[in-house]
Structure formats: structure tokens, C-alpha cells
Amino acid sequence: MLFLPREEGQGLVEYALILVLVAIVVIAILLLLGPVVGNVFSNLVQNL
């Protein structure tokens, strides 16, 4: 009990890692599906 480790920064680092992983997944999905979504909107505009 004389020495209590400081774990305050550990939670922040874990949240930052989760945020980075989510950002990487979102970027990968946008890179893969970006042209498909663009084509859908182009076809929609042309049909209107």
C-alpha cells in the first residue's frame, strides 16, 4: 500500500489505440467501397 502504481495514462492510451484502429478500418472501407458508392450516385443523378 505504500506504492500505488499510476494507471491513469493507461486508459487514455487504450482509448487512443482503439480510435486509431477504428480510423484505419473506416479508411480501408472507404478506399474499397468509395468508387462503388460514387458510381451509384452518378447513376442516380443521370437517371434523374
N, C-alpha and C. Protein backbone atom coordinates (compact mmCIF):
# COMPACT_ATOMS: atom_id res chain seq x y z
N MET A 1 0.80 -1.19 0.00
CA MET A 1 0.00 0.00 0.00
C MET A 1 0.85 1.26 0.00
N LEU A 2 2.12 1.11 0.24
CA LEU A 2 2.95 2.30 0.24
C LEU A 2 3.18 2.79 -1.18
N PHE A 3 3.19 1.86 -2.13
CA PHE A 3 3.46 2.24 -3.51
C PHE A 3 2.26 1.84 -4.36
N LEU A 4 1.55 2.82 -4.87
CA LEU A 4 0.41 2.55 -5.76
C LEU A 4 0.81 2.96 -7.17
N PRO A 5 0.79 2.02 -8.10
CA PRO A 5 1.17 2.36 -9.47
C PRO A 5 0.16 3.32 -10.10
N ARG A 6 0.67 4.20 -10.91
CA ARG A 6 -0.20 5.15 -11.60
C ARG A 6 -0.67 4.53 -12.91
N GLU A 7 -1.95 4.33 -13.02
CA GLU A 7 -2.52 3.74 -14.23
C GLU A 7 -3.45 4.72 -14.93
N GLU A 8 -3.31 5.99 -14.63
CA GLU A 8 -4.20 6.97 -15.22
C GLU A 8 -3.97 7.10 -16.72
N GLY A 9 -2.74 7.08 -17.16
CA GLY A 9 -2.44 7.23 -18.58
C GLY A 9 -2.71 5.98 -19.39
N GLN A 10 -2.83 4.86 -18.72
CA GLN A 10 -3.04 3.60 -19.43
C GLN A 10 -4.39 3.59 -20.15
N GLY A 11 -5.43 4.07 -19.50
CA GLY A 11 -6.75 4.11 -20.12
C GLY A 11 -6.76 5.01 -21.33
N LEU A 12 -6.07 6.14 -21.25
CA LEU A 12 -6.01 7.07 -22.37
C LEU A 12 -5.31 6.44 -23.56
N VAL A 13 -4.25 5.71 -23.30
CA VAL A 13 -3.52 5.04 -24.39
C VAL A 13 -4.40 3.97 -25.03
N GLU A 14 -5.14 3.23 -24.21
CA GLU A 14 -6.01 2.21 -24.77
C GLU A 14 -7.10 2.82 -25.64
N TYR A 15 -7.70 3.92 -25.18
CA TYR A 15 -8.72 4.59 -26.00
C TYR A 15 -8.11 5.12 -27.29
N ALA A 16 -6.90 5.63 -27.23
CA ALA A 16 -6.24 6.14 -28.43
C ALA A 16 -5.98 5.01 -29.42
N LEU A 17 -5.55 3.85 -28.93
CA LEU A 17 -5.32 2.72 -29.82
C LEU A 17 -6.61 2.24 -30.47
N ILE A 18 -7.68 2.19 -29.71
CA ILE A 18 -8.97 1.80 -30.27
C ILE A 18 -9.40 2.80 -31.34
N LEU A 19 -9.23 4.08 -31.06
CA LEU A 19 -9.60 5.11 -32.02
C LEU A 19 -8.78 4.99 -33.30
N VAL A 20 -7.50 4.72 -33.18
CA VAL A 20 -6.65 4.55 -34.36
C VAL A 20 -7.08 3.32 -35.16
N LEU A 21 -7.38 2.22 -34.49
CA LEU A 21 -7.83 1.02 -35.20
C LEU A 21 -9.15 1.25 -35.92
N VAL A 22 -10.08 1.93 -35.27
CA VAL A 22 -11.36 2.24 -35.92
C VAL A 22 -11.14 3.14 -37.13
N ALA A 23 -10.26 4.13 -37.00
CA ALA A 23 -9.97 5.02 -38.12
C ALA A 23 -9.37 4.25 -39.29
N ILE A 24 -8.47 3.32 -39.01
CA ILE A 24 -7.86 2.52 -40.08
C ILE A 24 -8.91 1.67 -40.79
N VAL A 25 -9.83 1.08 -40.02
CA VAL A 25 -10.88 0.26 -40.61
C VAL A 25 -11.80 1.13 -41.48
N VAL A 26 -12.17 2.30 -41.00
CA VAL A 26 -13.05 3.18 -41.77
C VAL A 26 -12.37 3.63 -43.06
N ILE A 27 -11.10 3.98 -42.99
CA ILE A 27 -10.36 4.40 -44.18
C ILE A 27 -10.27 3.26 -45.18
N ALA A 28 -10.01 2.05 -44.70
CA ALA A 28 -9.93 0.89 -45.60
C ALA A 28 -11.27 0.64 -46.28
N ILE A 29 -12.36 0.74 -45.53
CA ILE A 29 -13.69 0.52 -46.12
C ILE A 29 -13.98 1.60 -47.16
N LEU A 30 -13.65 2.84 -46.85
CA LEU A 30 -13.89 3.92 -47.81
C LEU A 30 -13.05 3.76 -49.07
N LEU A 31 -11.83 3.28 -48.92
CA LEU A 31 -10.99 3.07 -50.10
C LEU A 31 -11.53 1.94 -50.96
N LEU A 32 -12.08 0.91 -50.32
CA LEU A 32 -12.60 -0.22 -51.09
C LEU A 32 -13.96 0.08 -51.71
N LEU A 33 -14.82 0.75 -50.97
CA LEU A 33 -16.18 0.97 -51.44
C LEU A 33 -16.41 2.37 -52.02
N GLY A 34 -15.42 3.21 -51.98
CA GLY A 34 -15.57 4.57 -52.49
C GLY A 34 -16.01 4.64 -53.94
N PRO A 35 -15.32 3.96 -54.84
CA PRO A 35 -15.73 4.00 -56.24
C PRO A 35 -17.13 3.42 -56.48
N VAL A 36 -17.50 2.40 -55.75
CA VAL A 36 -18.82 1.80 -55.90
C VAL A 36 -19.90 2.80 -55.50
N VAL A 37 -19.70 3.47 -54.37
CA VAL A 37 -20.67 4.45 -53.91
C VAL A 37 -20.73 5.62 -54.89
N GLY A 38 -19.60 6.03 -55.41
CA GLY A 38 -19.56 7.11 -56.41
C GLY A 38 -20.33 6.74 -57.66
N ASN A 39 -20.19 5.50 -58.10
CA ASN A 39 -20.94 5.06 -59.29
C ASN A 39 -22.44 5.03 -59.03
N VAL A 40 -22.83 4.61 -57.85
CA VAL A 40 -24.26 4.59 -57.51
C VAL A 40 -24.83 5.99 -57.57
N PHE A 41 -24.14 6.96 -56.98
CA PHE A 41 -24.65 8.33 -57.01
C PHE A 41 -24.62 8.91 -58.42
N SER A 42 -23.62 8.57 -59.21
CA SER A 42 -23.58 9.04 -60.59
C SER A 42 -24.76 8.49 -61.39
N ASN A 43 -25.04 7.21 -61.23
CA ASN A 43 -26.18 6.61 -61.92
C ASN A 43 -27.49 7.24 -61.45
N LEU A 44 -27.59 7.52 -60.17
CA LEU A 44 -28.80 8.13 -59.64
C LEU A 44 -29.02 9.53 -60.23
N VAL A 45 -27.94 10.31 -60.32
CA VAL A 45 -28.04 11.65 -60.88
C VAL A 45 -28.39 11.58 -62.37
N GLN A 46 -27.80 10.65 -63.09
CA GLN A 46 -28.08 10.51 -64.52
C GLN A 46 -29.52 10.11 -64.76
N ASN A 47 -30.07 9.26 -63.91
CA ASN A 47 -31.44 8.80 -64.09
C ASN A 47 -32.45 9.89 -63.72
N LEU A 48 -32.05 10.80 -62.87
CA LEU A 48 -32.96 11.89 -62.53
C LEU A 48 -33.00 12.89 -63.67
